[in-house]
């Protein structure tokens, strides 16, 4: 069934909106490309030595399996802040299916750029 037929059926109220949505966006058909590496860039203003050390440490992108290996530590650090709580399974799922994701975090003294490639 193509999307025009589904939308016409929805317009005639022959199918429910939820059913039309499920037919249009079948999650089993959506194939996400798997991510392989995570590139991290950390810049602390007015701190030249820590910046250089962080640039050397994060020069090479981290393979996803290393990030998953240390995901427990990462999750505990994230969950210390009560505004955002995530489970280990959700974190790993997010890493697997988020190729091309760019996260840019800026504060008054620090800038963090995370790219999933």
PDB file of N, CA and C in Angstrom:
ATOM      1  N   UNK A   1       0.849  -1.168   0.000  1.00  0.00           N
ATOM      2  CA  UNK A   1       0.000   0.000   0.000  1.00  0.00           C
ATOM      3  C   UNK A   1       0.899   1.237   0.000  1.00  0.00           C
ATOM      4  N   UNK A   2       0.689   2.126  -0.978  1.00  0.00           N
ATOM      5  CA  UNK A   2       1.532   3.313  -1.015  1.00  0.00           C
ATOM      6  C   UNK A   2       0.927   4.434  -0.177  1.00  0.00           C
ATOM      7  N   UNK A   3       1.681   5.487  -0.013  1.00  0.00           N
ATOM      8  CA  UNK A   3       1.248   6.518   0.929  1.00  0.00           C
ATOM      9  C   UNK A   3       0.044   7.308   0.433  1.00  0.00           C
ATOM     10  N   UNK A   4      -0.132   7.440  -0.891  1.00  0.00           N
ATOM     11  CA  UNK A   4      -1.304   8.159  -1.396  1.00  0.00           C
ATOM     12  C   UNK A   4      -2.598   7.443  -1.027  1.00  0.00           C
ATOM     13  N   UNK A   5      -2.601   6.121  -1.152  1.00  0.00           N
ATOM     14  CA  UNK A   5      -3.788   5.334  -0.803  1.00  0.00           C
ATOM     15  C   UNK A   5      -4.073   5.451   0.694  1.00  0.00           C
ATOM     16  N   UNK A   6      -3.024   5.395   1.494  1.00  0.00           N
ATOM     17  CA  UNK A   6      -3.193   5.505   2.948  1.00  0.00           C
ATOM     18  C   UNK A   6      -3.756   6.874   3.321  1.00  0.00           C
ATOM     19  N   UNK A   7      -3.231   7.933   2.701  1.00  0.00           N
ATOM     20  CA  UNK A   7      -3.707   9.281   3.013  1.00  0.00           C
ATOM     21  C   UNK A   7      -5.147   9.498   2.540  1.00  0.00           C
ATOM     22  N   UNK A   8      -5.508   8.917   1.393  1.00  0.00           N
ATOM     23  CA  UNK A   8      -6.899   9.030   0.930  1.00  0.00           C
ATOM     24  C   UNK A   8      -7.846   8.283   1.860  1.00  0.00           C
ATOM     25  N   UNK A   9      -7.426   7.100   2.321  1.00  0.00           N
ATOM     26  CA  UNK A   9      -8.245   6.355   3.285  1.00  0.00           C
ATOM     27  C   UNK A   9      -8.401   7.133   4.588  1.00  0.00           C
ATOM     28  N   UNK A  10      -7.359   7.799   4.996  1.00  0.00           N
ATOM     29  CA  UNK A  10      -7.414   8.616   6.211  1.00  0.00           C
ATOM     30  C   UNK A  10      -8.350   9.805   6.018  1.00  0.00           C
ATOM     31  N   UNK A  11      -8.294  10.403   4.832  1.00  0.00           N
ATOM     32  CA  UNK A  11      -9.152  11.547   4.538  1.00  0.00           C
ATOM     33  C   UNK A  11     -10.634  11.149   4.548  1.00  0.00           C
ATOM     34  N   UNK A  12     -10.927   9.942   4.081  1.00  0.00           N
ATOM     35  CA  UNK A  12     -12.309   9.445   4.054  1.00  0.00           C
ATOM     36  C   UNK A  12     -12.732   8.846   5.397  1.00  0.00           C
ATOM     37  N   UNK A  13     -11.849   8.877   6.369  1.00  0.00           N
ATOM     38  CA  UNK A  13     -12.078   8.299   7.701  1.00  0.00           C
ATOM     39  C   UNK A  13     -12.328   6.796   7.655  1.00  0.00           C
ATOM     40  N   UNK A  14     -11.700   6.128   6.710  1.00  0.00           N
ATOM     41  CA  UNK A  14     -11.812   4.672   6.628  1.00  0.00           C
ATOM     42  C   UNK A  14     -10.831   3.981   7.568  1.00  0.00           C
ATOM     43  N   UNK A  15      -9.759   4.682   7.912  1.00  0.00           N
ATOM     44  CA  UNK A  15      -8.796   4.147   8.874  1.00  0.00           C
ATOM     45  C   UNK A  15      -8.524   5.202   9.932  1.00  0.00           C
ATOM     46  N   UNK A  16      -8.096   4.758  11.086  1.00  0.00           N
ATOM     47  CA  UNK A  16      -7.805   5.673  12.199  1.00  0.00           C
ATOM     48  C   UNK A  16      -6.456   6.361  11.965  1.00  0.00           C
ATOM     49  N   UNK A  17      -6.279   7.558  12.514  1.00  0.00           N
ATOM     50  CA  UNK A  17      -4.999   8.253  12.350  1.00  0.00           C
ATOM     51  C   UNK A  17      -3.802   7.462  12.877  1.00  0.00           C
ATOM     52  N   UNK A  18      -3.998   6.752  13.973  1.00  0.00           N
ATOM     53  CA  UNK A  18      -2.897   5.962  14.538  1.00  0.00           C
ATOM     54  C   UNK A  18      -2.512   4.837  13.588  1.00  0.00           C
ATOM     55  N   UNK A  19      -3.513   4.203  13.003  1.00  0.00           N
ATOM     56  CA  UNK A  19      -3.252   3.120  12.050  1.00  0.00           C
ATOM     57  C   UNK A  19      -2.557   3.658  10.798  1.00  0.00           C
ATOM     58  N   UNK A  20      -2.983   4.842  10.329  1.00  0.00           N
ATOM     59  CA  UNK A  20      -2.343   5.457   9.165  1.00  0.00           C
ATOM     60  C   UNK A  20      -0.890   5.795   9.466  1.00  0.00           C
ATOM     61  N   UNK A  21      -0.656   6.320  10.653  1.00  0.00           N
ATOM     62  CA  UNK A  21       0.719   6.638  11.041  1.00  0.00           C
ATOM     63  C   UNK A  21       1.574   5.380  11.065  1.00  0.00           C
ATOM     64  N   UNK A  22       1.044   4.308  11.638  1.00  0.00           N
ATOM     65  CA  UNK A  22       1.796   3.053  11.704  1.00  0.00           C
ATOM     66  C   UNK A  22       2.106   2.514  10.318  1.00  0.00           C
ATOM     67  N   UNK A  23       1.169   2.665   9.388  1.00  0.00           N
ATOM     68  CA  UNK A  23       1.405   2.185   8.024  1.00  0.00           C
ATOM     69  C   UNK A  23       2.404   3.067   7.281  1.00  0.00           C
ATOM     70  N   UNK A  24       2.335   4.378   7.513  1.00  0.00           N
ATOM     71  CA  UNK A  24       3.247   5.293   6.819  1.00  0.00           C
ATOM     72  C   UNK A  24       4.672   5.183   7.338  1.00  0.00           C
ATOM     73  N   UNK A  25       4.806   5.067   8.632  1.00  0.00           N
ATOM     74  CA  UNK A  25       6.125   5.061   9.249  1.00  0.00           C
ATOM     75  C   UNK A  25       6.354   3.744   9.969  1.00  0.00           C
ATOM     76  N   UNK A  26       6.455   2.689   9.223  1.00  0.00           N
ATOM     77  CA  UNK A  26       6.713   1.373   9.793  1.00  0.00           C
ATOM     78  C   UNK A  26       8.154   1.341  10.284  1.00  0.00           C
ATOM     79  N   UNK A  27       8.338   1.215  11.593  1.00  0.00           N
ATOM     80  CA  UNK A  27       9.673   1.287  12.178  1.00  0.00           C
ATOM     81  C   UNK A  27      10.560   0.133  11.749  1.00  0.00           C
ATOM     82  N   UNK A  28       9.958  -0.981  11.390  1.00  0.00           N
ATOM     83  CA  UNK A  28      10.770  -2.108  10.939  1.00  0.00           C
ATOM     84  C   UNK A  28      11.404  -1.826   9.583  1.00  0.00           C
ATOM     85  N   UNK A  29      10.755  -0.959   8.779  1.00  0.00           N
ATOM     86  CA  UNK A  29      11.287  -0.657   7.453  1.00  0.00           C
ATOM     87  C   UNK A  29      12.359   0.429   7.500  1.00  0.00           C
ATOM     88  N   UNK A  30      12.320   1.261   8.528  1.00  0.00           N
ATOM     89  CA  UNK A  30      13.312   2.326   8.640  1.00  0.00           C
ATOM     90  C   UNK A  30      14.648   1.725   9.039  1.00  0.00           C
ATOM     91  N   UNK A  31      15.629   1.869   8.182  1.00  0.00           N
ATOM     92  CA  UNK A  31      16.947   1.311   8.448  1.00  0.00           C
ATOM     93  C   UNK A  31      17.888   2.470   8.752  1.00  0.00           C
ATOM     94  N   UNK A  32      18.417   2.464   9.941  1.00  0.00           N
ATOM     95  CA  UNK A  32      19.372   3.490  10.331  1.00  0.00           C
ATOM     96  C   UNK A  32      20.771   2.954  10.085  1.00  0.00           C
ATOM     97  N   UNK A  33      21.612   3.809   9.552  1.00  0.00           N
ATOM     98  CA  UNK A  33      22.991   3.373   9.374  1.00  0.00           C
ATOM     99  C   UNK A  33      23.681   3.361  10.733  1.00  0.00           C
ATOM    100  N   UNK A  34      24.455   2.342  10.960  1.00  0.00           N
ATOM    101  CA  UNK A  34      25.127   2.166  12.255  1.00  0.00           C
ATOM    102  C   UNK A  34      26.292   3.141  12.363  1.00  0.00           C
ATOM    103  N   UNK A  35      26.461   3.672  13.539  1.00  0.00           N
ATOM    104  CA  UNK A  35      27.586   4.559  13.790  1.00  0.00           C
ATOM    105  C   UNK A  35      28.808   3.729  14.161  1.00  0.00           C
ATOM    106  N   UNK A  36      29.987   4.282  13.907  1.00  0.00           N
ATOM    107  CA  UNK A  36      31.230   3.560  14.159  1.00  0.00           C
ATOM    108  C   UNK A  36      32.135   4.258  15.167  1.00  0.00           C
ATOM    109  N   UNK A  37      32.156   5.580  15.123  1.00  0.00           N
ATOM    110  CA  UNK A  37      33.085   6.335  15.952  1.00  0.00           C
ATOM    111  C   UNK A  37      32.397   7.531  16.592  1.00  0.00           C
ATOM    112  N   UNK A  38      32.979   7.996  17.691  1.00  0.00           N
ATOM    113  CA  UNK A  38      32.538   9.212  18.367  1.00  0.00           C
ATOM    114  C   UNK A  38      33.738  10.144  18.451  1.00  0.00           C
ATOM    115  N   UNK A  39      33.595  11.340  17.887  1.00  0.00           N
ATOM    116  CA  UNK A  39      34.658  12.341  17.917  1.00  0.00           C
ATOM    117  C   UNK A  39      34.268  13.402  18.935  1.00  0.00           C
ATOM    118  N   UNK A  40      35.149  13.657  19.888  1.00  0.00           N
ATOM    119  CA  UNK A  40      34.877  14.606  20.963  1.00  0.00           C
ATOM    120  C   UNK A  40      35.907  15.724  20.908  1.00  0.00           C
ATOM    121  N   UNK A  41      35.444  16.953  21.053  1.00  0.00           N
ATOM    122  CA  UNK A  41      36.327  18.112  21.121  1.00  0.00           C
ATOM    123  C   UNK A  41      35.921  18.935  22.339  1.00  0.00           C
ATOM    124  N   UNK A  42      36.874  19.174  23.238  1.00  0.00           N
ATOM    125  CA  UNK A  42      36.605  19.917  24.473  1.00  0.00           C
ATOM    126  C   UNK A  42      37.534  21.123  24.516  1.00  0.00           C
ATOM    127  N   UNK A  43      36.963  22.295  24.751  1.00  0.00           N
ATOM    128  CA  UNK A  43      37.743  23.520  24.802  1.00  0.00           C
ATOM    129  C   UNK A  43      37.375  24.286  26.072  1.00  0.00           C
ATOM    130  N   UNK A  44      38.357  24.501  26.936  1.00  0.00           N
ATOM    131  CA  UNK A  44      38.157  25.245  28.181  1.00  0.00           C
ATOM    132  C   UNK A  44      38.823  26.604  28.010  1.00  0.00           C
ATOM    133  N   UNK A  45      38.051  27.669  28.160  1.00  0.00           N
ATOM    134  CA  UNK A  45      38.605  29.000  27.942  1.00  0.00           C
ATOM    135  C   UNK A  45      39.575  29.380  29.059  1.00  0.00           C
ATOM    136  N   UNK A  46      40.607  30.099  28.692  1.00  0.00           N
ATOM    137  CA  UNK A  46      41.644  30.601  29.599  1.00  0.00           C
ATOM    138  C   UNK A  46      42.440  29.498  30.289  1.00  0.00           C
ATOM    139  N   UNK A  47      42.495  28.323  29.720  1.00  0.00           N
ATOM    140  CA  UNK A  47      43.275  27.205  30.268  1.00  0.00           C
ATOM    141  C   UNK A  47      44.066  26.544  29.135  1.00  0.00           C
ATOM    142  N   UNK A  48      45.244  27.070  28.784  1.00  0.00           N
ATOM    143  CA  UNK A  48      45.968  26.526  27.626  1.00  0.00           C
ATOM    144  C   UNK A  48      46.511  25.109  27.829  1.00  0.00           C
ATOM    145  N   UNK A  49      47.044  24.796  28.997  1.00  0.00           N
ATOM    146  CA  UNK A  49      47.625  23.467  29.210  1.00  0.00           C
ATOM    147  C   UNK A  49      46.568  22.358  29.224  1.00  0.00           C
ATOM    148  N   UNK A  50      45.482  22.488  29.983  1.00  0.00           N
ATOM    149  CA  UNK A  50      44.449  21.443  29.907  1.00  0.00           C
ATOM    150  C   UNK A  50      43.844  21.304  28.507  1.00  0.00           C
ATOM    151  N   UNK A  51      43.736  22.433  27.777  1.00  0.00           N
ATOM    152  CA  UNK A  51      43.231  22.362  26.403  1.00  0.00           C
ATOM    153  C   UNK A  51      44.126  21.502  25.529  1.00  0.00           C
ATOM    154  N   UNK A  52      45.423  21.698  25.640  1.00  0.00           N
ATOM    155  CA  UNK A  52      46.365  20.920  24.823  1.00  0.00           C
ATOM    156  C   UNK A  52      46.321  19.441  25.190  1.00  0.00           C
ATOM    157  N   UNK A  53      46.219  19.143  26.479  1.00  0.00           N
ATOM    158  CA  UNK A  53      46.139  17.740  26.914  1.00  0.00           C
ATOM    159  C   UNK A  53      44.856  17.100  26.383  1.00  0.00           C
ATOM    160  N   UNK A  54      43.745  17.828  26.481  1.00  0.00           N
ATOM    161  CA  UNK A  54      42.479  17.295  25.972  1.00  0.00           C
ATOM    162  C   UNK A  54      42.501  17.128  24.456  1.00  0.00           C
ATOM    163  N   UNK A  55      43.162  18.037  23.747  1.00  0.00           N
ATOM    164  CA  UNK A  55      43.277  17.907  22.286  1.00  0.00           C
ATOM    165  C   UNK A  55      44.064  16.663  21.912  1.00  0.00           C
ATOM    166  N   UNK A  56      45.124  16.365  22.667  1.00  0.00           N
ATOM    167  CA  UNK A  56      45.922  15.165  22.389  1.00  0.00           C
ATOM    168  C   UNK A  56      45.110  13.903  22.686  1.00  0.00           C
ATOM    169  N   UNK A  57      44.397  13.900  23.813  1.00  0.00           N
ATOM    170  CA  UNK A  57      43.614  12.720  24.198  1.00  0.00           C
ATOM    171  C   UNK A  57      42.483  12.461  23.206  1.00  0.00           C
ATOM    172  N   UNK A  58      41.823  13.513  22.757  1.00  0.00           N
ATOM    173  CA  UNK A  58      40.661  13.348  21.874  1.00  0.00           C
ATOM    174  C   UNK A  58      40.991  13.565  20.404  1.00  0.00           C
ATOM    175  N   UNK A  59      42.258  13.475  20.037  1.00  0.00           N
ATOM    176  CA  UNK A  59      42.662  13.675  18.637  1.00  0.00           C
ATOM    177  C   UNK A  59      42.063  12.605  17.728  1.00  0.00           C
ATOM    178  N   UNK A  60      42.110  11.367  18.164  1.00  0.00           N
ATOM    179  CA  UNK A  60      41.590  10.250  17.379  1.00  0.00           C
ATOM    180  C   UNK A  60      40.167   9.955  17.851  1.00  0.00           C
ATOM    181  N   UNK A  61      39.230   9.751  16.926  1.00  0.00           N
ATOM    182  CA  UNK A  61      37.859   9.405  17.340  1.00  0.00           C
ATOM    183  C   UNK A  61      37.820   8.087  18.112  1.00  0.00           C
ATOM    184  N   UNK A  62      36.914   8.009  19.076  1.00  0.00           N
ATOM    185  CA  UNK A  62      36.762   6.799  19.884  1.00  0.00           C
ATOM    186  C   UNK A  62      35.846   5.816  19.163  1.00  0.00           C
ATOM    187  N   UNK A  63      36.231   4.543  19.079  1.00  0.00           N
ATOM    188  CA  UNK A  63      35.312   3.547  18.517  1.00  0.00           C
ATOM    189  C   UNK A  63      34.094   3.373  19.428  1.00  0.00           C
ATOM    190  N   UNK A  64      32.974   3.077  18.821  1.00  0.00           N
ATOM    191  CA  UNK A  64      31.722   2.930  19.568  1.00  0.00           C
ATOM    192  C   UNK A  64      31.828   1.860  20.645  1.00  0.00           C
ATOM    193  N   UNK A  65      32.552   0.759  20.362  1.00  0.00           N
ATOM    194  CA  UNK A  65      32.619  -0.311  21.365  1.00  0.00           C
ATOM    195  C   UNK A  65      33.320   0.159  22.633  1.00  0.00           C
ATOM    196  N   UNK A  66      34.282   1.086  22.525  1.00  0.00           N
ATOM    197  CA  UNK A  66      34.923   1.633  23.730  1.00  0.00           C
ATOM    198  C   UNK A  66      33.951   2.519  24.512  1.00  0.00           C
ATOM    199  N   UNK A  67      33.180   3.306  23.791  1.00  0.00           N
ATOM    200  CA  UNK A  67      32.207   4.172  24.452  1.00  0.00           C
ATOM    201  C   UNK A  67      31.161   3.315  25.161  1.00  0.00           C
ATOM    202  N   UNK A  68      30.735   2.218  24.503  1.00  0.00           N
ATOM    203  CA  UNK A  68      29.761   1.318  25.137  1.00  0.00           C
ATOM    204  C   UNK A  68      30.365   0.617  26.348  1.00  0.00           C
ATOM    205  N   UNK A  69      31.656   0.314  26.274  1.00  0.00           N
ATOM    206  CA  UNK A  69      32.317  -0.363  27.384  1.00  0.00           C
ATOM    207  C   UNK A  69      32.305   0.527  28.633  1.00  0.00           C
ATOM    208  N   UNK A  70      32.489   1.822  28.434  1.00  0.00           N
ATOM    209  CA  UNK A  70      32.507   2.764  29.550  1.00  0.00           C
ATOM    210  C   UNK A  70      31.172   3.490  29.710  1.00  0.00           C
ATOM    211  N   UNK A  71      30.113   2.959  29.108  1.00  0.00           N
ATOM    212  CA  UNK A  71      28.823   3.647  29.177  1.00  0.00           C
ATOM    213  C   UNK A  71      28.274   3.705  30.602  1.00  0.00           C
ATOM    214  N   UNK A  72      28.616   2.740  31.445  1.00  0.00           N
ATOM    215  CA  UNK A  72      28.165   2.782  32.836  1.00  0.00           C
ATOM    216  C   UNK A  72      28.694   4.006  33.558  1.00  0.00           C
ATOM    217  N   UNK A  73      29.958   4.317  33.341  1.00  0.00           N
ATOM    218  CA  UNK A  73      30.573   5.502  33.954  1.00  0.00           C
ATOM    219  C   UNK A  73      29.940   6.770  33.388  1.00  0.00           C
ATOM    220  N   UNK A  74      29.719   6.773  32.080  1.00  0.00           N
ATOM    221  CA  UNK A  74      29.123   7.941  31.433  1.00  0.00           C
ATOM    222  C   UNK A  74      27.700   8.160  31.941  1.00  0.00           C
ATOM    223  N   UNK A  75      26.937   7.081  32.065  1.00  0.00           N
ATOM    224  CA  UNK A  75      25.548   7.177  32.532  1.00  0.00           C
ATOM    225  C   UNK A  75      25.485   7.687  33.969  1.00  0.00           C
ATOM    226  N   UNK A  76      26.380   7.213  34.821  1.00  0.00           N
ATOM    227  CA  UNK A  76      26.392   7.701  36.212  1.00  0.00           C
ATOM    228  C   UNK A  76      26.697   9.195  36.253  1.00  0.00           C
ATOM    229  N   UNK A  77      27.609   9.650  35.394  1.00  0.00           N
ATOM    230  CA  UNK A  77      27.937  11.077  35.361  1.00  0.00           C
ATOM    231  C   UNK A  77      26.753  11.900  34.851  1.00  0.00           C
ATOM    232  N   UNK A  78      26.046  11.368  33.861  1.00  0.00           N
ATOM    233  CA  UNK A  78      24.882  12.082  33.330  1.00  0.00           C
ATOM    234  C   UNK A  78      23.757  12.113  34.363  1.00  0.00           C
ATOM    235  N   UNK A  79      23.532  10.999  35.035  1.00  0.00           N
ATOM    236  CA  UNK A  79      22.410  10.888  35.972  1.00  0.00           C
ATOM    237  C   UNK A  79      22.631  11.638  37.282  1.00  0.00           C
ATOM    238  N   UNK A  80      23.844  12.143  37.522  1.00  0.00           N
ATOM    239  CA  UNK A  80      24.068  12.980  38.713  1.00  0.00           C
ATOM    240  C   UNK A  80      23.246  14.257  38.628  1.00  0.00           C
ATOM    241  N   UNK A  81      23.041  14.735  37.403  1.00  0.00           N
ATOM    242  CA  UNK A  81      22.211  15.912  37.186  1.00  0.00           C
ATOM    243  C   UNK A  81      20.772  15.435  37.056  1.00  0.00           C
ATOM    244  N   UNK A  82      19.911  15.949  37.876  1.00  0.00           N
ATOM    245  CA  UNK A  82      18.546  15.432  37.972  1.00  0.00           C
ATOM    246  C   UNK A  82      17.655  15.861  36.806  1.00  0.00           C
ATOM    247  N   UNK A  83      18.107  16.797  35.956  1.00  0.00           N
ATOM    248  CA  UNK A  83      17.249  17.263  34.871  1.00  0.00           C
ATOM    249  C   UNK A  83      17.104  16.220  33.774  1.00  0.00           C
ATOM    250  N   UNK A  84      18.117  15.387  33.597  1.00  0.00           N
ATOM    251  CA  UNK A  84      18.117  14.432  32.487  1.00  0.00           C
ATOM    252  C   UNK A  84      18.595  13.085  32.995  1.00  0.00           C
ATOM    253  N   UNK A  85      17.720  12.087  32.950  1.00  0.00           N
ATOM    254  CA  UNK A  85      18.071  10.743  33.400  1.00  0.00           C
ATOM    255  C   UNK A  85      17.858   9.790  32.232  1.00  0.00           C
ATOM    256  N   UNK A  86      18.852   8.944  31.969  1.00  0.00           N
ATOM    257  CA  UNK A  86      18.796   8.019  30.844  1.00  0.00           C
ATOM    258  C   UNK A  86      19.287   6.652  31.314  1.00  0.00           C
ATOM    259  N   UNK A  87      18.706   5.610  30.756  1.00  0.00           N
ATOM    260  CA  UNK A  87      19.145   4.258  31.116  1.00  0.00           C
ATOM    261  C   UNK A  87      20.290   3.828  30.201  1.00  0.00           C
ATOM    262  N   UNK A  88      21.007   2.795  30.614  1.00  0.00           N
ATOM    263  CA  UNK A  88      22.135   2.305  29.826  1.00  0.00           C
ATOM    264  C   UNK A  88      21.665   1.758  28.477  1.00  0.00           C
ATOM    265  N   UNK A  89      20.525   1.075  28.450  1.00  0.00           N
ATOM    266  CA  UNK A  89      20.000   0.527  27.202  1.00  0.00           C
ATOM    267  C   UNK A  89      19.619   1.644  26.231  1.00  0.00           C
ATOM    268  N   UNK A  90      18.981   2.704  26.740  1.00  0.00           N
ATOM    269  CA  UNK A  90      18.615   3.832  25.886  1.00  0.00           C
ATOM    270  C   UNK A  90      19.854   4.535  25.346  1.00  0.00           C
ATOM    271  N   UNK A  91      20.866   4.678  26.186  1.00  0.00           N
ATOM    272  CA  UNK A  91      22.108   5.318  25.763  1.00  0.00           C
ATOM    273  C   UNK A  91      22.769   4.521  24.643  1.00  0.00           C
ATOM    274  N   UNK A  92      22.844   3.201  24.795  1.00  0.00           N
ATOM    275  CA  UNK A  92      23.459   2.362  23.765  1.00  0.00           C
ATOM    276  C   UNK A  92      22.639   2.362  22.478  1.00  0.00           C
ATOM    277  N   UNK A  93      21.316   2.369  22.594  1.00  0.00           N
ATOM    278  CA  UNK A  93      20.461   2.436  21.413  1.00  0.00           C
ATOM    279  C   UNK A  93      20.648   3.758  20.688  1.00  0.00           C
ATOM    280  N   UNK A  94      20.773   4.831  21.457  1.00  0.00           N
ATOM    281  CA  UNK A  94      21.005   6.143  20.873  1.00  0.00           C
ATOM    282  C   UNK A  94      22.330   6.178  20.128  1.00  0.00           C
ATOM    283  N   UNK A  95      23.357   5.572  20.686  1.00  0.00           N
ATOM    284  CA  UNK A  95      24.655   5.528  20.020  1.00  0.00           C
ATOM    285  C   UNK A  95      24.606   4.713  18.739  1.00  0.00           C
ATOM    286  N   UNK A  96      23.909   3.590  18.771  1.00  0.00           N
ATOM    287  CA  UNK A  96      23.865   2.710  17.607  1.00  0.00           C
ATOM    288  C   UNK A  96      23.187   3.353  16.409  1.00  0.00           C
ATOM    289  N   UNK A  97      22.110   4.053  16.644  1.00  0.00           N
ATOM    290  CA  UNK A  97      21.289   4.512  15.527  1.00  0.00           C
ATOM    291  C   UNK A  97      21.394   6.006  15.271  1.00  0.00           C
ATOM    292  N   UNK A  98      22.474   6.626  15.645  1.00  0.00           N
ATOM    293  CA  UNK A  98      22.552   8.080  15.517  1.00  0.00           C
ATOM    294  C   UNK A  98      23.745   8.534  14.692  1.00  0.00           C
ATOM    295  N   UNK A  99      24.007   7.874  13.589  1.00  0.00           N
ATOM    296  CA  UNK A  99      25.118   8.287  12.731  1.00  0.00           C
ATOM    297  C   UNK A  99      24.815   9.674  12.169  1.00  0.00           C
ATOM    298  N   UNK A 100      25.794  10.557  12.240  1.00  0.00           N
ATOM    299  CA  UNK A 100      25.617  11.919  11.760  1.00  0.00           C
ATOM    300  C   UNK A 100      25.160  12.894  12.825  1.00  0.00           C
ATOM    301  N   UNK A 101      24.964  12.432  14.043  1.00  0.00           N
ATOM    302  CA  UNK A 101      24.506  13.282  15.130  1.00  0.00           C
ATOM    303  C   UNK A 101      25.631  14.215  15.575  1.00  0.00           C
ATOM    304  N   UNK A 102      25.311  15.481  15.766  1.00  0.00           N
ATOM    305  CA  UNK A 102      26.269  16.465  16.266  1.00  0.00           C
ATOM    306  C   UNK A 102      25.654  17.130  17.491  1.00  0.00           C
ATOM    307  N   UNK A 103      26.377  17.087  18.598  1.00  0.00           N
ATOM    308  CA  UNK A 103      25.932  17.721  19.840  1.00  0.00           C
ATOM    309  C   UNK A 103      26.936  18.816  20.177  1.00  0.00           C
ATOM    310  N   UNK A 104      26.451  20.041  20.280  1.00  0.00           N
ATOM    311  CA  UNK A 104      27.302  21.189  20.579  1.00  0.00           C
ATOM    312  C   UNK A 104      26.834  21.786  21.900  1.00  0.00           C
ATOM    313  N   UNK A 105      27.702  21.727  22.904  1.00  0.00           N
ATOM    314  CA  UNK A 105      27.366  22.220  24.240  1.00  0.00           C
ATOM    315  C   UNK A 105      28.279  23.405  24.542  1.00  0.00           C
ATOM    316  N   UNK A 106      27.674  24.539  24.861  1.00  0.00           N
ATOM    317  CA  UNK A 106      28.457  25.731  25.180  1.00  0.00           C
ATOM    318  C   UNK A 106      28.016  26.286  26.522  1.00  0.00           C
ATOM    319  N   UNK A 107      28.998  26.617  27.343  1.00  0.00           N
ATOM    320  CA  UNK A 107      28.720  27.331  28.586  1.00  0.00           C
ATOM    321  C   UNK A 107      29.640  28.545  28.614  1.00  0.00           C
ATOM    322  N   UNK A 108      29.645  29.266  29.721  1.00  0.00           N
ATOM    323  CA  UNK A 108      30.443  30.493  29.752  1.00  0.00           C
ATOM    324  C   UNK A 108      31.941  30.229  29.722  1.00  0.00           C
ATOM    325  N   UNK A 109      32.386  29.051  30.166  1.00  0.00           N
ATOM    326  CA  UNK A 109      33.823  28.798  30.188  1.00  0.00           C
ATOM    327  C   UNK A 109      34.251  27.525  29.462  1.00  0.00           C
ATOM    328  N   UNK A 110      33.310  26.752  28.938  1.00  0.00           N
ATOM    329  CA  UNK A 110      33.652  25.486  28.293  1.00  0.00           C
ATOM    330  C   UNK A 110      32.805  25.284  27.045  1.00  0.00           C
ATOM    331  N   UNK A 111      33.429  24.670  26.044  1.00  0.00           N
ATOM    332  CA  UNK A 111      32.707  24.292  24.831  1.00  0.00           C
ATOM    333  C   UNK A 111      33.016  22.833  24.541  1.00  0.00           C
ATOM    334  N   UNK A 112      31.969  22.021  24.346  1.00  0.00           N
ATOM    335  CA  UNK A 112      32.123  20.598  24.053  1.00  0.00           C
ATOM    336  C   UNK A 112      31.388  20.313  22.749  1.00  0.00           C
ATOM    337  N   UNK A 113      32.074  19.658  21.818  1.00  0.00           N
ATOM    338  CA  UNK A 113      31.484  19.266  20.545  1.00  0.00           C
ATOM    339  C   UNK A 113      31.623  17.759  20.405  1.00  0.00           C
ATOM    340  N   UNK A 114      30.498  17.074  20.222  1.00  0.00           N
ATOM    341  CA  UNK A 114      30.486  15.618  20.086  1.00  0.00           C
ATOM    342  C   UNK A 114      29.880  15.284  18.732  1.00  0.00           C
ATOM    343  N   UNK A 115      30.616  14.509  17.931  1.00  0.00           N
ATOM    344  CA  UNK A 115      30.128  14.081  16.617  1.00  0.00           C
ATOM    345  C   UNK A 115      30.113  12.564  16.578  1.00  0.00           C
ATOM    346  N   UNK A 116      28.998  11.995  16.139  1.00  0.00           N
ATOM    347  CA  UNK A 116      28.893  10.548  15.965  1.00  0.00           C
ATOM    348  C   UNK A 116      29.008  10.278  14.471  1.00  0.00           C
ATOM    349  N   UNK A 117      30.057   9.550  14.088  1.00  0.00           N
ATOM    350  CA  UNK A 117      30.304   9.272  12.660  1.00  0.00           C
ATOM    351  C   UNK A 117      30.367   7.792  12.399  1.00  0.00           C
TER     352      UNK A 117
END
